[in-house]
Amino acid sequence: PAQVEALARQVDALWGGTDILINNAGVGAGGN
């Protein structure tokens, strides 16, 4: 969570906020 907070602070510092957030990071798995 601290790294995600740092991500938000970074975009705030760059452009003053976020219009679009895409939560895309993920992994695949299979198993009983």
Full PDB file with SEQRES, HELIX, SHEET, SSBOND, CRYST1, ORIGX, SCALE, CONECT and MASTER records, all heavy atoms in Angstrom:
SEQRES   1 A   32  PRO ALA GLN VAL GLU ALA LEU ALA ARG GLN VAL ASP ALA          
SEQRES   2 A   32  LEU TRP GLY GLY THR ASP ILE LEU ILE ASN ASN ALA GLY          
SEQRES   3 A   32  VAL GLY ALA GLY GLY ASN                                      
HELIX    1 AA1 ALA A    2  TRP A   15  1                                  14    
CRYST1    1.000    1.000    1.000  90.00  90.00  90.00 P 1           1          
ORIGX1      1.000000  0.000000  0.000000        0.00000                         
ORIGX2      0.000000  1.000000  0.000000        0.00000                         
ORIGX3      0.000000  0.000000  1.000000        0.00000                         
SCALE1      1.000000  0.000000  0.000000        0.00000                         
SCALE2      0.000000  1.000000  0.000000        0.00000                         
SCALE3      0.000000  0.000000  1.000000        0.00000                         
ATOM      1  N   PRO A   1       0.801  -1.227   0.000  1.00  0.00           N  
ATOM      2  CA  PRO A   1       0.000   0.000   0.000  1.00  0.00           C  
ATOM      3  C   PRO A   1       0.831   1.273   0.000  1.00  0.00           C  
ATOM      4  O   PRO A   1       0.431   2.280  -0.593  1.00  0.00           O  
ATOM      5  CB  PRO A   1      -0.863  -0.125   1.264  1.00  0.00           C  
ATOM      6  CG  PRO A   1      -0.244  -1.200   2.079  1.00  0.00           C  
ATOM      7  CD  PRO A   1       0.462  -2.113   1.132  1.00  0.00           C  
ATOM      8  N   ALA A   2       1.986   1.252   0.649  1.00  0.00           N  
ATOM      9  CA  ALA A   2       2.832   2.444   0.669  1.00  0.00           C  
ATOM     10  C   ALA A   2       3.326   2.783  -0.730  1.00  0.00           C  
ATOM     11  O   ALA A   2       3.469   3.963  -1.083  1.00  0.00           O  
ATOM     12  CB  ALA A   2       4.008   2.247   1.619  1.00  0.00           C  
ATOM     13  N   GLN A   3       3.596   1.781  -1.546  1.00  0.00           N  
ATOM     14  CA  GLN A   3       4.055   2.033  -2.908  1.00  0.00           C  
ATOM     15  C   GLN A   3       2.908   2.550  -3.785  1.00  0.00           C  
ATOM     16  O   GLN A   3       3.133   3.375  -4.673  1.00  0.00           O  
ATOM     17  CB  GLN A   3       4.669   0.769  -3.507  1.00  0.00           C  
ATOM     18  CG  GLN A   3       5.974   0.363  -2.842  1.00  0.00           C  
ATOM     19  CD  GLN A   3       6.731  -0.699  -3.629  1.00  0.00           C  
ATOM     20  OE1 GLN A   3       6.650  -0.760  -4.864  1.00  0.00           O  
ATOM     21  NE2 GLN A   3       7.469  -1.535  -2.928  1.00  0.00           N  
ATOM     22  N   VAL A   4       1.692   2.085  -3.545  1.00  0.00           N  
ATOM     23  CA  VAL A   4       0.556   2.609  -4.293  1.00  0.00           C  
ATOM     24  C   VAL A   4       0.283   4.056  -3.889  1.00  0.00           C  
ATOM     25  O   VAL A   4      -0.036   4.902  -4.729  1.00  0.00           O  
ATOM     26  CB  VAL A   4      -0.688   1.725  -4.084  1.00  0.00           C  
ATOM     27  CG1 VAL A   4      -1.881   2.281  -4.856  1.00  0.00           C  
ATOM     28  CG2 VAL A   4      -0.404   0.292  -4.525  1.00  0.00           C  
ATOM     29  N   GLU A   5       0.451   4.356  -2.616  1.00  0.00           N  
ATOM     30  CA  GLU A   5       0.318   5.743  -2.163  1.00  0.00           C  
ATOM     31  C   GLU A   5       1.391   6.615  -2.814  1.00  0.00           C  
ATOM     32  O   GLU A   5       1.104   7.751  -3.240  1.00  0.00           O  
ATOM     33  CB  GLU A   5       0.439   5.807  -0.642  1.00  0.00           C  
ATOM     34  CG  GLU A   5       0.400   7.210  -0.058  1.00  0.00           C  
ATOM     35  CD  GLU A   5      -0.912   7.928  -0.283  1.00  0.00           C  
ATOM     36  OE1 GLU A   5      -1.969   7.273  -0.266  1.00  0.00           O  
ATOM     37  OE2 GLU A   5      -0.881   9.165  -0.496  1.00  0.00           O  
ATOM     38  N   ALA A   6       2.606   6.097  -2.930  1.00  0.00           N  
ATOM     39  CA  ALA A   6       3.679   6.849  -3.591  1.00  0.00           C  
ATOM     40  C   ALA A   6       3.359   7.073  -5.066  1.00  0.00           C  
ATOM     41  O   ALA A   6       3.685   8.125  -5.631  1.00  0.00           O  
ATOM     42  CB  ALA A   6       5.008   6.105  -3.445  1.00  0.00           C  
ATOM     43  N   LEU A   7       2.701   6.101  -5.681  1.00  0.00           N  
ATOM     44  CA  LEU A   7       2.265   6.239  -7.072  1.00  0.00           C  
ATOM     45  C   LEU A   7       1.286   7.400  -7.210  1.00  0.00           C  
ATOM     46  O   LEU A   7       1.404   8.233  -8.120  1.00  0.00           O  
ATOM     47  CB  LEU A   7       1.618   4.929  -7.522  1.00  0.00           C  
ATOM     48  CG  LEU A   7       0.904   4.895  -8.877  1.00  0.00           C  
ATOM     49  CD1 LEU A   7       1.871   5.164 -10.013  1.00  0.00           C  
ATOM     50  CD2 LEU A   7       0.218   3.528  -9.067  1.00  0.00           C  
ATOM     51  N   ALA A   8       0.329   7.470  -6.299  1.00  0.00           N  
ATOM     52  CA  ALA A   8      -0.653   8.561  -6.341  1.00  0.00           C  
ATOM     53  C   ALA A   8       0.016   9.908  -6.095  1.00  0.00           C  
ATOM     54  O   ALA A   8      -0.325  10.911  -6.755  1.00  0.00           O  
ATOM     55  CB  ALA A   8      -1.750   8.309  -5.307  1.00  0.00           C  
ATOM     56  N   ARG A   9       0.945   9.955  -5.159  1.00  0.00           N  
ATOM     57  CA  ARG A   9       1.645  11.216  -4.899  1.00  0.00           C  
ATOM     58  C   ARG A   9       2.454  11.646  -6.115  1.00  0.00           C  
ATOM     59  O   ARG A   9       2.563  12.847  -6.409  1.00  0.00           O  
ATOM     60  CB  ARG A   9       2.559  11.080  -3.683  1.00  0.00           C  
ATOM     61  CG  ARG A   9       1.815  10.978  -2.354  1.00  0.00           C  
ATOM     62  CD  ARG A   9       2.747  11.293  -1.183  1.00  0.00           C  
ATOM     63  NE  ARG A   9       3.914  10.430  -1.177  1.00  0.00           N  
ATOM     64  CZ  ARG A   9       3.982   9.272  -0.520  1.00  0.00           C  
ATOM     65  NH1 ARG A   9       2.941   8.842   0.182  1.00  0.00           N  
ATOM     66  NH2 ARG A   9       5.074   8.545  -0.557  1.00  0.00           N  
ATOM     67  N   GLN A  10       3.001  10.672  -6.831  1.00  0.00           N  
ATOM     68  CA  GLN A  10       3.787  10.994  -8.018  1.00  0.00           C  
ATOM     69  C   GLN A  10       2.924  11.641  -9.102  1.00  0.00           C  
ATOM     70  O   GLN A  10       3.301  12.658  -9.688  1.00  0.00           O  
ATOM     71  CB  GLN A  10       4.443   9.729  -8.571  1.00  0.00           C  
ATOM     72  CG  GLN A  10       5.228   9.903  -9.863  1.00  0.00           C  
ATOM     73  CD  GLN A  10       6.572  10.569  -9.655  1.00  0.00           C  
ATOM     74  OE1 GLN A  10       6.901  11.012  -8.547  1.00  0.00           O  
ATOM     75  NE2 GLN A  10       7.356  10.660 -10.710  1.00  0.00           N  
ATOM     76  N   VAL A  11       1.753  11.073  -9.359  1.00  0.00           N  
ATOM     77  CA  VAL A  11       0.892  11.660 -10.399  1.00  0.00           C  
ATOM     78  C   VAL A  11       0.342  13.007  -9.939  1.00  0.00           C  
ATOM     79  O   VAL A  11       0.164  13.933 -10.751  1.00  0.00           O  
ATOM     80  CB  VAL A  11      -0.226  10.670 -10.810  1.00  0.00           C  
ATOM     81  CG1 VAL A  11      -1.284  10.520  -9.741  1.00  0.00           C  
ATOM     82  CG2 VAL A  11      -0.865  11.084 -12.134  1.00  0.00           C  
ATOM     83  N   ASP A  12       0.104  13.160  -8.637  1.00  0.00           N  
ATOM     84  CA  ASP A  12      -0.311  14.464  -8.119  1.00  0.00           C  
ATOM     85  C   ASP A  12       0.770  15.510  -8.369  1.00  0.00           C  
ATOM     86  O   ASP A  12       0.479  16.650  -8.777  1.00  0.00           O  
ATOM     87  CB  ASP A  12      -0.597  14.378  -6.620  1.00  0.00           C  
ATOM     88  CG  ASP A  12      -1.880  13.642  -6.302  1.00  0.00           C  
ATOM     89  OD1 ASP A  12      -2.693  13.426  -7.232  1.00  0.00           O  
ATOM     90  OD2 ASP A  12      -2.075  13.260  -5.127  1.00  0.00           O  
ATOM     91  N   ALA A  13       2.015  15.116  -8.121  1.00  0.00           N  
ATOM     92  CA  ALA A  13       3.121  16.058  -8.306  1.00  0.00           C  
ATOM     93  C   ALA A  13       3.346  16.379  -9.779  1.00  0.00           C  
ATOM     94  O   ALA A  13       3.670  17.529 -10.139  1.00  0.00           O  
ATOM     95  CB  ALA A  13       4.406  15.475  -7.705  1.00  0.00           C  
ATOM     96  N   LEU A  14       3.153  15.394 -10.640  1.00  0.00           N  
ATOM     97  CA  LEU A  14       3.382  15.610 -12.070  1.00  0.00           C  
ATOM     98  C   LEU A  14       2.287  16.455 -12.709  1.00  0.00           C  
ATOM     99  O   LEU A  14       2.578  17.420 -13.429  1.00  0.00           O  
ATOM    100  CB  LEU A  14       3.442  14.251 -12.783  1.00  0.00           C  
ATOM    101  CG  LEU A  14       4.706  13.414 -12.619  1.00  0.00           C  
ATOM    102  CD1 LEU A  14       4.478  12.006 -13.155  1.00  0.00           C  
ATOM    103  CD2 LEU A  14       5.881  14.061 -13.338  1.00  0.00           C  
ATOM    104  N   TRP A  15       1.020  16.075 -12.450  1.00  0.00           N  
ATOM    105  CA  TRP A  15      -0.077  16.661 -13.226  1.00  0.00           C  
ATOM    106  C   TRP A  15      -1.242  17.155 -12.374  1.00  0.00           C  
ATOM    107  O   TRP A  15      -2.282  17.540 -12.911  1.00  0.00           O  
ATOM    108  CB  TRP A  15      -0.575  15.637 -14.254  1.00  0.00           C  
ATOM    109  CG  TRP A  15       0.524  15.144 -15.159  1.00  0.00           C  
ATOM    110  CD1 TRP A  15       1.450  15.903 -15.801  1.00  0.00           C  
ATOM    111  CD2 TRP A  15       0.819  13.786 -15.497  1.00  0.00           C  
ATOM    112  NE1 TRP A  15       2.312  15.109 -16.528  1.00  0.00           N  
ATOM    113  CE2 TRP A  15       1.952  13.798 -16.365  1.00  0.00           C  
ATOM    114  CE3 TRP A  15       0.252  12.555 -15.169  1.00  0.00           C  
ATOM    115  CZ2 TRP A  15       2.508  12.635 -16.884  1.00  0.00           C  
ATOM    116  CZ3 TRP A  15       0.814  11.395 -15.683  1.00  0.00           C  
ATOM    117  CH2 TRP A  15       1.914  11.442 -16.531  1.00  0.00           C  
ATOM    118  N   GLY A  16      -1.091  17.111 -11.067  1.00  0.00           N  
ATOM    119  CA  GLY A  16      -2.116  17.676 -10.205  1.00  0.00           C  
ATOM    120  C   GLY A  16      -3.330  16.812  -9.965  1.00  0.00           C  
ATOM    121  O   GLY A  16      -4.346  17.294  -9.455  1.00  0.00           O  
ATOM    122  N   GLY A  17      -3.264  15.539 -10.308  1.00  0.00           N  
ATOM    123  CA  GLY A  17      -4.390  14.650 -10.062  1.00  0.00           C  
ATOM    124  C   GLY A  17      -4.491  13.544 -11.089  1.00  0.00           C  
ATOM    125  O   GLY A  17      -3.662  13.436 -12.004  1.00  0.00           O  
ATOM    126  N   THR A  18      -5.525  12.715 -10.938  1.00  0.00           N  
ATOM    127  CA  THR A  18      -5.728  11.551 -11.805  1.00  0.00           C  
ATOM    128  C   THR A  18      -7.144  11.560 -12.348  1.00  0.00           C  
ATOM    129  O   THR A  18      -8.107  11.677 -11.589  1.00  0.00           O  
ATOM    130  CB  THR A  18      -5.504  10.235 -11.025  1.00  0.00           C  
ATOM    131  OG1 THR A  18      -4.201  10.245 -10.445  1.00  0.00           O  
ATOM    132  CG2 THR A  18      -5.649   9.033 -11.940  1.00  0.00           C  
ATOM    133  N   ASP A  19      -7.277  11.435 -13.655  1.00  0.00           N  
ATOM    134  CA  ASP A  19      -8.589  11.326 -14.287  1.00  0.00           C  
ATOM    135  C   ASP A  19      -8.977   9.877 -14.542  1.00  0.00           C  
ATOM    136  O   ASP A  19     -10.146   9.514 -14.426  1.00  0.00           O  
ATOM    137  CB  ASP A  19      -8.598  12.088 -15.617  1.00  0.00           C  
ATOM    138  CG  ASP A  19      -8.315  13.564 -15.435  1.00  0.00           C  
ATOM    139  OD1 ASP A  19      -9.043  14.214 -14.658  1.00  0.00           O  
ATOM    140  OD2 ASP A  19      -7.347  14.068 -16.045  1.00  0.00           O  
ATOM    141  N   ILE A  20      -8.002   9.056 -14.915  1.00  0.00           N  
ATOM    142  CA  ILE A  20      -8.269   7.657 -15.263  1.00  0.00           C  
ATOM    143  C   ILE A  20      -7.308   6.761 -14.482  1.00  0.00           C  
ATOM    144  O   ILE A  20      -6.089   6.928 -14.559  1.00  0.00           O  
ATOM    145  CB  ILE A  20      -8.090   7.400 -16.766  1.00  0.00           C  
ATOM    146  CG1 ILE A  20      -9.017   8.300 -17.583  1.00  0.00           C  
ATOM    147  CG2 ILE A  20      -8.353   5.930 -17.104  1.00  0.00           C  
ATOM    148  CD1 ILE A  20      -8.727   8.262 -19.093  1.00  0.00           C  
ATOM    149  N   LEU A  21      -7.862   5.811 -13.740  1.00  0.00           N  
ATOM    150  CA  LEU A  21      -7.071   4.791 -13.053  1.00  0.00           C  
ATOM    151  C   LEU A  21      -7.422   3.440 -13.652  1.00  0.00           C  
ATOM    152  O   LEU A  21      -8.594   3.057 -13.688  1.00  0.00           O  
ATOM    153  CB  LEU A  21      -7.373   4.787 -11.555  1.00  0.00           C  
ATOM    154  CG  LEU A  21      -6.805   3.600 -10.761  1.00  0.00           C  
ATOM    155  CD1 LEU A  21      -5.274   3.633 -10.743  1.00  0.00           C  
ATOM    156  CD2 LEU A  21      -7.371   3.562  -9.351  1.00  0.00           C  
ATOM    157  N   ILE A  22      -6.410   2.720 -14.111  1.00  0.00           N  
ATOM    158  CA  ILE A  22      -6.625   1.359 -14.620  1.00  0.00           C  
ATOM    159  C   ILE A  22      -5.869   0.402 -13.714  1.00  0.00           C  
ATOM    160  O   ILE A  22      -4.629   0.339 -13.743  1.00  0.00           O  
ATOM    161  CB  ILE A  22      -6.186   1.220 -16.083  1.00  0.00           C  
ATOM    162  CG1 ILE A  22      -6.970   2.202 -16.960  1.00  0.00           C  
ATOM    163  CG2 ILE A  22      -6.396  -0.214 -16.560  1.00  0.00           C  
ATOM    164  CD1 ILE A  22      -6.618   2.153 -18.429  1.00  0.00           C  
ATOM    165  N   ASN A  23      -6.619  -0.333 -12.889  1.00  0.00           N  
ATOM    166  CA  ASN A  23      -6.040  -1.360 -12.020  1.00  0.00           C  
ATOM    167  C   ASN A  23      -5.907  -2.641 -12.827  1.00  0.00           C  
ATOM    168  O   ASN A  23      -6.832  -3.457 -12.894  1.00  0.00           O  
ATOM    169  CB  ASN A  23      -6.941  -1.582 -10.794  1.00  0.00           C  
ATOM    170  CG  ASN A  23      -6.861  -0.450  -9.801  1.00  0.00           C  
ATOM    171  OD1 ASN A  23      -5.785  -0.036  -9.399  1.00  0.00           O  
ATOM    172  ND2 ASN A  23      -8.019   0.067  -9.406  1.00  0.00           N  
ATOM    173  N   ASN A  24      -4.759  -2.791 -13.457  1.00  0.00           N  
ATOM    174  CA  ASN A  24      -4.556  -3.874 -14.413  1.00  0.00           C  
ATOM    175  C   ASN A  24      -3.603  -4.963 -13.914  1.00  0.00           C  
ATOM    176  O   ASN A  24      -3.698  -6.108 -14.358  1.00  0.00           O  
ATOM    177  CB  ASN A  24      -4.028  -3.290 -15.728  1.00  0.00           C  
ATOM    178  CG  ASN A  24      -3.466  -4.345 -16.649  1.00  0.00           C  
ATOM    179  OD1 ASN A  24      -4.210  -5.101 -17.280  1.00  0.00           O  
ATOM    180  ND2 ASN A  24      -2.135  -4.434 -16.721  1.00  0.00           N  
ATOM    181  N   ALA A  25      -2.691  -4.645 -13.023  1.00  0.00           N  
ATOM    182  CA  ALA A  25      -1.684  -5.615 -12.602  1.00  0.00           C  
ATOM    183  C   ALA A  25      -2.342  -6.896 -12.097  1.00  0.00           C  
ATOM    184  O   ALA A  25      -3.279  -6.855 -11.297  1.00  0.00           O  
ATOM    185  CB  ALA A  25      -0.796  -5.013 -11.516  1.00  0.00           C  
ATOM    186  N   GLY A  26      -1.866  -8.034 -12.579  1.00  0.00           N  
ATOM    187  CA  GLY A  26      -2.462  -9.298 -12.155  1.00  0.00           C  
ATOM    188  C   GLY A  26      -1.635 -10.480 -12.603  1.00  0.00           C  
ATOM    189  O   GLY A  26      -0.708 -10.360 -13.412  1.00  0.00           O  
ATOM    190  N   VAL A  27      -1.971 -11.655 -12.065  1.00  0.00           N  
ATOM    191  CA  VAL A  27      -1.275 -12.896 -12.383  1.00  0.00           C  
ATOM    192  C   VAL A  27      -2.308 -13.985 -12.637  1.00  0.00           C  
ATOM    193  O   VAL A  27      -3.480 -13.861 -12.262  1.00  0.00           O  
ATOM    194  CB  VAL A  27      -0.333 -13.324 -11.238  1.00  0.00           C  
ATOM    195  CG1 VAL A  27       0.829 -12.355 -11.111  1.00  0.00           C  
ATOM    196  CG2 VAL A  27      -1.091 -13.450  -9.912  1.00  0.00           C  
ATOM    197  N   GLY A  28      -1.860 -15.077 -13.269  1.00  0.00           N  
ATOM    198  CA  GLY A  28      -2.740 -16.200 -13.564  1.00  0.00           C  
ATOM    199  C   GLY A  28      -2.401 -17.407 -12.713  1.00  0.00           C  
ATOM    200  O   GLY A  28      -1.270 -17.558 -12.238  1.00  0.00           O  
ATOM    201  N   ALA A  29      -3.409 -18.276 -12.534  1.00  0.00           N  
ATOM    202  CA  ALA A  29      -3.199 -19.465 -11.704  1.00  0.00           C  
ATOM    203  C   ALA A  29      -4.247 -20.513 -12.030  1.00  0.00           C  
ATOM    204  O   ALA A  29      -5.348 -20.198 -12.476  1.00  0.00           O  
ATOM    205  CB  ALA A  29      -3.277 -19.105 -10.225  1.00  0.00           C  
ATOM    206  N   GLY A  30      -3.881 -21.778 -11.794  1.00  0.00           N  
ATOM    207  CA  GLY A  30      -4.811 -22.878 -11.953  1.00  0.00           C  
ATOM    208  C   GLY A  30      -4.486 -23.976 -10.964  1.00  0.00           C  
ATOM    209  O   GLY A  30      -3.316 -24.226 -10.678  1.00  0.00           O  
ATOM    210  N   GLY A  31      -5.519 -24.611 -10.429  1.00  0.00           N  
ATOM    211  CA  GLY A  31      -5.262 -25.691  -9.484  1.00  0.00           C  
ATOM    212  C   GLY A  31      -6.492 -26.060  -8.694  1.00  0.00           C  
ATOM    213  O   GLY A  31      -7.367 -25.234  -8.450  1.00  0.00           O  
ATOM    214  N   ASN A  32      -6.575 -27.326  -8.302  1.00  0.00           N  
ATOM    215  CA  ASN A  32      -7.692 -27.804  -7.497  1.00  0.00           C  
ATOM    216  C   ASN A  32      -7.546 -27.344  -6.050  1.00  0.00           C  
ATOM    217  O   ASN A  32      -6.429 -27.242  -5.523  1.00  0.00           O  
ATOM    218  CB  ASN A  32      -7.743 -29.334  -7.514  1.00  0.00           C  
ATOM    219  CG  ASN A  32      -7.938 -29.891  -8.905  1.00  0.00           C  
ATOM    220  OD1 ASN A  32      -7.026 -29.877  -9.715  1.00  0.00           O  
ATOM    221  ND2 ASN A  32      -9.117 -30.404  -9.172  1.00  0.00           N  
TER     222      ASN A  32                                                      
MASTER        0    0    0    1    0    0    0    6  221    1    0    3          
END                                                                             
